[in-house]
Amino acid sequence: MPTVVTLGEAMIRLSPPDFRRLEQATSLNMTAGGAELNVAVGLSRLGIDSAWVSRLPSNALGRLCANRARELGVDVSHVVWSAEDRMGLYFVEFGAAPRPSSVLYDRAGSAVSRLQPGMVNWARALAGAKWFHTSGITPALSDSCSAATLEALQQAKNAGAKVSYDLNYRAKLWSQDKARAVQTGLMEYVDVLFTTEEDTKRVFAIEGKDYGEVAAKLTERFGFQAVVITLREDLSVWHNRWSALVYAGGQIYHGPAYEVEIVDRVGAGDACSAGFIFKTLAGASPQEAIDFAVAFSAIKHTIPGDFNLATEEEANRLLAGGSLRITR
């Protein structure tokens, strides 16, 4: 039985090599990824039994996605299979200063966008689970996905699992007004919120003099047990400063800050979520949890693809001030 269950969309990711624009591409690198699957993979890498719930087409692309998850230790036995629908795609075009990287989605009508309440046997999927995680991407996909997300959150609370939710606002999926109207009602089921200051402002119109005040206001409004805010400073396209904080028990805990040389930043926030969940499940303090989460997700920036293939040992070594010299 999985310790952590996640719900959400995964897509096939296609990206041209050598910093080419899509218009120039003659070949594309192909992999799979998606926010909630990324979290499940990160937890599996850290030794946590994890399961990912979604809806996939029963074709080669759907099987590719499930196989990638399974290869990395994620339970996909609760995935709902569709004989008729399509797999969502997204294209990543890597930029370099002054041209930023960009993403092009081709996900309309995907199998998961037609997920409906009653399709997932949540009693079976959540049996024995201690934690459930999803994000704001899932209810943004369609009205039926929104209803299915609510069902999942309610079932997770009924099962006694702790619930986390990444706000993950995507302007290409829905408006700020729609995101606020749908997600405000979902927050009553959430124990731990992962977000950014920008997403908080867009979705809940909450601002503050600093990130800590924003987290405190979120907690006051919704009663969260903890709010984690990731902090990114773009020094250039491929050179960022990365950190995070957590507000819990009326206190602010700041994680370490790292300057990261980026190979691929997609999935870094999901890696932070995985690291925080991992340490919290282990009984760590908020400070220990946020320190590890930042280190674990900092390493993700150096790994191609959506998935964080870092290890607990690597994160701990970074926290201990590990050297950049080659390890032999």
Protein backbone atom coordinates (compact mmCIF):
# COMPACT_ATOMS: atom_id res chain seq x y z
CA MET A 1 0.00 0.00 0.00
CA PRO A 2 1.38 3.45 -0.90
CA THR A 3 2.27 5.94 1.79
CA VAL A 4 1.67 8.92 -0.50
CA VAL A 5 -0.92 9.18 -3.29
CA THR A 6 -0.93 11.95 -5.88
CA LEU A 7 -3.52 12.94 -8.49
CA GLY A 8 -2.90 14.85 -11.69
CA GLU A 9 -2.06 15.06 -15.35
CA ALA A 10 1.13 13.92 -17.00
CA MET A 11 2.04 14.74 -20.58
CA ILE A 12 4.56 13.70 -23.15
CA ARG A 13 7.29 16.34 -23.19
CA LEU A 14 9.03 17.17 -26.47
CA SER A 15 12.00 19.53 -26.74
CA PRO A 16 14.38 20.40 -29.58
CA PRO A 17 18.07 19.85 -28.78
CA ASP A 18 20.91 22.39 -28.94
CA PHE A 19 18.80 25.43 -28.00
CA ARG A 20 16.94 25.24 -31.29
CA ARG A 21 13.61 26.95 -31.69
CA LEU A 22 10.67 24.70 -32.46
CA GLU A 23 10.56 26.20 -35.95
CA GLN A 24 14.11 24.95 -36.52
CA ALA A 25 13.67 21.48 -35.05
CA THR A 26 14.45 18.39 -37.10
CA SER A 27 14.32 16.11 -34.06
CA LEU A 28 12.77 16.23 -30.59
CA ASN A 29 13.82 14.69 -27.29
CA MET A 30 10.87 12.85 -25.75
CA THR A 31 10.08 12.09 -22.13
CA ALA A 32 7.12 12.30 -19.76
CA GLY A 33 6.30 14.56 -16.85
CA GLY A 34 3.65 16.40 -14.91
CA ALA A 35 3.50 18.18 -11.56
CA GLU A 36 1.90 15.51 -9.40
CA LEU A 37 3.76 12.65 -11.08
CA ASN A 38 6.98 14.59 -10.50
CA VAL A 39 6.18 14.67 -6.77
CA ALA A 40 5.48 10.93 -6.72
CA VAL A 41 8.77 10.20 -8.50
CA GLY A 42 10.71 12.43 -6.10
CA LEU A 43 9.21 10.63 -3.12
CA SER A 44 9.95 7.25 -4.63
CA ARG A 45 13.59 8.29 -5.08
CA LEU A 46 13.64 9.09 -1.38
CA GLY A 47 12.35 5.64 -0.44
CA ILE A 48 8.66 6.49 0.05
CA ASP A 49 6.07 4.15 -1.47
CA SER A 50 4.10 6.42 -3.77
CA ALA A 51 1.20 6.03 -6.16
CA TRP A 52 0.05 8.32 -8.95
CA VAL A 53 -3.58 8.50 -10.05
CA SER A 54 -4.55 9.86 -13.45
CA ARG A 55 -6.38 8.94 -16.65
CA LEU A 56 -4.36 7.84 -19.67
CA PRO A 57 -5.19 6.71 -23.21
CA SER A 58 -4.61 3.02 -23.82
CA ASN A 59 -2.16 3.64 -26.63
CA ALA A 60 1.62 3.76 -27.00
CA LEU A 61 1.95 7.27 -25.54
CA GLY A 62 -0.17 6.44 -22.52
CA ARG A 63 1.86 3.30 -21.94
CA LEU A 64 5.11 5.26 -22.33
CA CYS A 65 4.01 7.59 -19.53
CA ALA A 66 2.92 4.77 -17.22
CA ASN A 67 6.11 2.84 -17.96
CA ARG A 68 8.32 5.83 -17.07
CA ALA A 69 6.51 6.19 -13.76
CA ARG A 70 6.71 2.46 -13.05
CA GLU A 71 10.42 2.37 -13.91
CA LEU A 72 11.01 4.92 -11.17
CA GLY A 73 9.09 2.97 -8.55
CA VAL A 74 5.73 4.72 -8.73
CA ASP A 75 2.57 2.62 -8.40
CA VAL A 76 0.29 3.23 -11.41
CA SER A 77 -2.25 0.53 -10.62
CA HIS A 78 -4.96 3.13 -9.91
CA VAL A 79 -4.62 4.90 -13.27
CA VAL A 80 -7.89 4.95 -15.23
CA TRP A 81 -7.42 3.86 -18.84
CA SER A 82 -9.37 5.28 -21.79
CA ALA A 83 -9.84 3.56 -25.13
CA GLU A 84 -10.75 6.72 -27.03
CA ASP A 85 -9.00 9.83 -25.72
CA ARG A 86 -5.62 11.36 -26.50
CA MET A 87 -2.40 12.01 -24.59
CA GLY A 88 -1.58 15.61 -23.76
CA LEU A 89 1.68 17.02 -25.14
CA TYR A 90 3.89 19.92 -24.26
CA PHE A 91 6.89 21.38 -26.00
CA VAL A 92 9.80 23.01 -24.17
CA GLU A 93 11.94 25.47 -26.12
CA PHE A 94 15.13 26.21 -24.18
CA GLY A 95 16.27 29.81 -24.40
CA ALA A 96 19.38 31.74 -23.38
CA ALA A 97 19.58 35.34 -22.20
CA PRO A 98 17.99 37.54 -23.35
CA ARG A 99 15.54 34.96 -24.79
CA PRO A 100 13.73 33.05 -22.02
CA SER A 101 12.76 29.42 -22.26
CA SER A 102 9.13 28.86 -23.27
CA VAL A 103 6.46 26.18 -23.19
CA LEU A 104 3.83 25.37 -25.80
CA TYR A 105 0.91 23.17 -24.69
CA ASP A 106 -1.09 20.77 -26.83
CA ARG A 107 -3.31 19.23 -24.17
CA ALA A 108 -6.92 20.09 -25.06
CA GLY A 109 -9.19 17.05 -24.89
CA SER A 110 -6.61 14.88 -23.15
CA ALA A 111 -7.77 11.71 -21.43
CA VAL A 112 -7.31 13.14 -17.95
CA SER A 113 -9.31 16.27 -18.80
CA ARG A 114 -12.33 13.95 -19.02
CA LEU A 115 -11.82 12.48 -15.57
CA GLN A 116 -15.09 12.50 -13.64
CA PRO A 117 -16.19 11.78 -10.07
CA GLY A 118 -16.75 8.07 -9.56
CA MET A 119 -14.09 6.94 -12.04
CA VAL A 120 -11.43 6.31 -9.37
CA ASN A 121 -11.95 3.83 -6.56
CA TRP A 122 -10.59 6.15 -3.89
CA ALA A 123 -11.29 3.77 -1.02
CA ARG A 124 -8.86 1.33 -2.62
CA ALA A 125 -6.36 3.92 -3.84
CA LEU A 126 -6.10 5.63 -0.45
CA ALA A 127 -6.12 2.49 1.72
CA GLY A 128 -3.30 2.93 4.23
CA ALA A 129 -2.10 6.21 2.73
CA LYS A 130 -0.70 8.82 5.09
CA TRP A 131 -0.54 11.69 2.59
CA PHE A 132 -2.43 12.89 -0.49
CA HIS A 133 -1.13 15.52 -2.90
CA THR A 134 -2.57 17.34 -5.89
CA SER A 135 -2.31 20.77 -7.46
CA GLY A 136 -4.24 23.60 -9.06
CA ILE A 137 -3.43 22.27 -12.51
CA THR A 138 -5.85 19.37 -12.09
CA PRO A 139 -9.11 21.32 -11.48
CA ALA A 140 -8.04 23.78 -14.19
CA LEU A 141 -8.25 21.13 -16.89
CA SER A 142 -12.07 20.96 -17.02
CA ASP A 143 -15.20 21.28 -14.91
CA SER A 144 -15.34 17.49 -14.54
CA CYS A 145 -11.70 17.47 -13.36
CA SER A 146 -12.60 20.15 -10.85
CA ALA A 147 -15.38 17.97 -9.48
CA ALA A 148 -13.08 14.94 -9.45
CA THR A 149 -10.45 16.93 -7.53
CA LEU A 150 -13.01 17.88 -4.90
CA GLU A 151 -14.05 14.23 -4.62
CA ALA A 152 -10.42 13.17 -4.15
CA LEU A 153 -9.75 15.80 -1.48
CA GLN A 154 -12.87 14.80 0.44
CA GLN A 155 -12.01 11.11 0.22
CA ALA A 156 -8.43 11.76 1.36
CA LYS A 157 -9.65 13.63 4.44
CA ASN A 158 -12.16 10.89 5.19
CA ALA A 159 -9.35 8.36 4.94
CA GLY A 160 -7.33 10.28 7.54
CA ALA A 161 -4.53 11.32 5.17
CA LYS A 162 -2.74 14.62 5.45
CA VAL A 163 -3.48 16.70 2.35
CA SER A 164 -1.12 18.99 0.46
CA TYR A 165 -1.93 21.16 -2.52
CA ASP A 166 0.32 23.13 -4.87
CA LEU A 167 -1.47 26.25 -6.13
CA ASN A 168 0.38 25.97 -9.48
CA TYR A 169 -1.57 28.70 -11.30
CA ARG A 170 -1.47 28.31 -15.10
CA ALA A 171 -2.79 31.33 -16.98
CA LYS A 172 -3.01 29.29 -20.19
CA LEU A 173 -5.58 26.99 -18.53
CA TRP A 174 -7.96 29.37 -16.77
CA SER A 175 -8.53 32.95 -15.65
CA GLN A 176 -7.62 34.29 -12.24
CA ASP A 177 -11.31 34.76 -11.44
CA LYS A 178 -12.15 31.14 -12.34
CA ALA A 179 -9.14 29.85 -10.43
CA ARG A 180 -10.21 31.80 -7.34
CA ALA A 181 -13.86 30.72 -7.58
CA VAL A 182 -13.00 27.03 -7.89
CA GLN A 183 -10.07 26.74 -5.52
CA THR A 184 -11.33 28.80 -2.59
CA GLY A 185 -13.76 26.02 -1.70
CA LEU A 186 -11.07 23.35 -2.03
CA MET A 187 -8.82 24.93 0.59
CA GLU A 188 -10.91 23.70 3.53
CA TYR A 189 -9.53 20.20 2.87
CA VAL A 190 -5.87 21.28 2.62
CA ASP A 191 -3.34 20.96 5.45
CA VAL A 192 -0.16 22.05 3.63
CA LEU A 193 -0.12 24.59 0.81
CA PHE A 194 2.78 24.92 -1.63
CA THR A 195 2.81 28.16 -3.59
CA THR A 196 4.68 31.22 -4.81
CA GLU A 197 4.03 34.82 -3.88
CA GLU A 198 2.97 35.51 -7.48
CA ASP A 199 0.44 32.65 -7.58
CA THR A 200 -0.99 33.69 -4.21
CA LYS A 201 -1.55 37.21 -5.51
CA ARG A 202 -3.17 36.01 -8.72
CA VAL A 203 -5.47 33.39 -7.23
CA PHE A 204 -6.37 34.73 -3.78
CA ALA A 205 -5.47 38.44 -4.16
CA ILE A 206 -3.30 38.15 -1.04
CA GLU A 207 -0.23 40.38 -0.78
CA GLY A 208 2.14 41.39 1.99
CA LYS A 209 5.26 43.36 2.72
CA ASP A 210 7.30 40.14 2.42
CA TYR A 211 6.88 36.43 1.78
CA GLY A 212 6.44 35.62 5.45
CA GLU A 213 3.50 37.99 5.75
CA VAL A 214 1.90 36.43 2.67
CA ALA A 215 2.22 32.97 4.24
CA ALA A 216 0.78 34.22 7.52
CA LYS A 217 -2.21 35.78 5.74
CA LEU A 218 -2.86 32.53 3.87
CA THR A 219 -2.78 30.61 7.14
CA GLU A 220 -5.08 33.09 8.85
CA ARG A 221 -7.60 32.89 6.02
CA PHE A 222 -7.63 29.15 5.38
CA GLY A 223 -6.28 27.55 8.56
CA PHE A 224 -3.37 25.68 6.97
CA GLN A 225 -0.97 23.75 9.15
CA ALA A 226 1.92 24.92 6.98
CA VAL A 227 2.51 27.15 3.96
CA VAL A 228 5.63 26.62 1.83
CA ILE A 229 6.65 29.41 -0.55
CA THR A 230 9.40 28.81 -3.10
CA LEU A 231 11.69 31.74 -3.85
CA ARG A 232 13.43 32.16 -7.20
CA GLU A 233 15.63 35.04 -8.33
CA ASP A 234 16.44 34.98 -12.05
CA LEU A 235 20.04 36.13 -12.36
CA SER A 236 19.96 34.92 -15.97
CA VAL A 237 18.11 32.21 -17.89
CA TRP A 238 20.59 29.56 -16.75
CA HIS A 239 21.72 31.05 -13.44
CA ASN A 240 19.20 31.44 -10.61
CA ARG A 241 19.19 31.89 -6.86
CA TRP A 242 16.85 29.33 -5.27
CA SER A 243 15.36 29.03 -1.80
CA ALA A 244 12.07 28.55 0.08
CA LEU A 245 10.43 29.26 3.41
CA VAL A 246 7.75 27.60 5.48
CA TYR A 247 5.28 29.24 7.84
CA ALA A 248 4.11 26.80 10.51
CA GLY A 249 2.91 27.19 14.08
CA GLY A 250 3.05 30.97 13.81
CA GLN A 251 6.77 30.92 12.94
CA ILE A 252 8.71 31.53 9.73
CA TYR A 253 11.53 29.13 8.87
CA HIS A 254 13.89 30.07 6.04
CA GLY A 255 15.66 27.41 4.01
CA PRO A 256 19.18 27.85 2.64
CA ALA A 257 19.74 29.77 -0.60
CA TYR A 258 21.69 28.26 -3.46
CA GLU A 259 22.94 29.73 -6.69
CA VAL A 260 22.09 27.07 -9.25
CA GLU A 261 23.50 26.51 -12.70
CA ILE A 262 20.45 25.31 -14.56
CA VAL A 263 20.33 22.33 -16.85
CA ASP A 264 16.52 22.10 -16.59
CA ARG A 265 14.37 24.01 -14.11
CA VAL A 266 11.08 22.26 -14.95
CA GLY A 267 9.90 20.29 -11.91
CA ALA A 268 12.01 22.12 -9.33
CA GLY A 269 8.96 23.24 -7.35
CA ASP A 270 7.62 19.68 -7.40
CA ALA A 271 10.96 18.44 -6.08
CA CYS A 272 10.68 20.95 -3.23
CA SER A 273 7.22 19.57 -2.41
CA ALA A 274 8.54 16.01 -2.44
CA GLY A 275 11.43 16.88 -0.16
CA PHE A 276 9.19 18.66 2.32
CA ILE A 277 6.64 15.83 2.38
CA PHE A 278 9.42 13.27 2.85
CA LYS A 279 10.92 15.02 5.86
CA THR A 280 7.54 15.85 7.41
CA LEU A 281 6.48 12.21 7.21
CA ALA A 282 9.74 11.32 8.97
CA GLY A 283 8.80 13.59 11.89
CA ALA A 284 11.31 16.34 11.09
CA SER A 285 10.88 19.89 12.37
CA PRO A 286 9.70 22.60 9.93
CA GLN A 287 13.28 23.91 9.78
CA GLU A 288 14.72 20.50 8.95
CA ALA A 289 11.99 19.88 6.39
CA ILE A 290 12.46 23.16 4.53
CA ASP A 291 16.26 22.85 4.59
CA PHE A 292 16.11 19.42 2.99
CA ALA A 293 13.39 20.45 0.51
CA VAL A 294 15.49 23.35 -0.77
CA ALA A 295 18.62 21.24 -1.13
CA PHE A 296 16.79 18.38 -2.85
CA SER A 297 15.10 20.75 -5.30
CA ALA A 298 18.28 22.75 -5.94
CA ILE A 299 19.85 19.58 -7.30
CA LYS A 300 16.83 19.06 -9.60
CA HIS A 301 17.94 22.12 -11.59
CA THR A 302 20.97 20.12 -12.74
CA ILE A 303 19.00 17.12 -14.08
CA PRO A 304 17.36 17.01 -17.55
CA GLY A 305 13.66 16.22 -17.69
CA ASP A 306 10.77 16.78 -15.29
CA PHE A 307 11.80 14.13 -12.79
CA ASN A 308 14.22 14.73 -9.92
CA LEU A 309 16.66 11.83 -9.93
CA ALA A 310 18.62 13.18 -6.96
CA THR A 311 19.14 11.05 -3.87
CA GLU A 312 18.77 11.69 -0.16
CA GLU A 313 22.54 11.31 0.22
CA GLU A 314 23.20 14.02 -2.38
CA ALA A 315 20.79 16.44 -0.70
CA ASN A 316 22.33 15.82 2.71
CA ARG A 317 25.82 16.31 1.27
CA LEU A 318 24.75 19.65 -0.19
CA LEU A 319 23.27 20.68 3.15
CA ALA A 320 26.56 19.83 4.81
CA GLY A 321 28.38 22.20 2.45
CA GLY A 322 29.46 19.60 -0.07
CA SER A 323 32.31 20.44 -2.42
CA LEU A 324 31.91 20.99 -6.18
CA ARG A 325 34.99 18.84 -6.82
CA ILE A 326 34.39 15.64 -8.74
CA THR A 327 33.34 12.73 -6.52
CA ARG A 328 35.41 9.56 -7.02
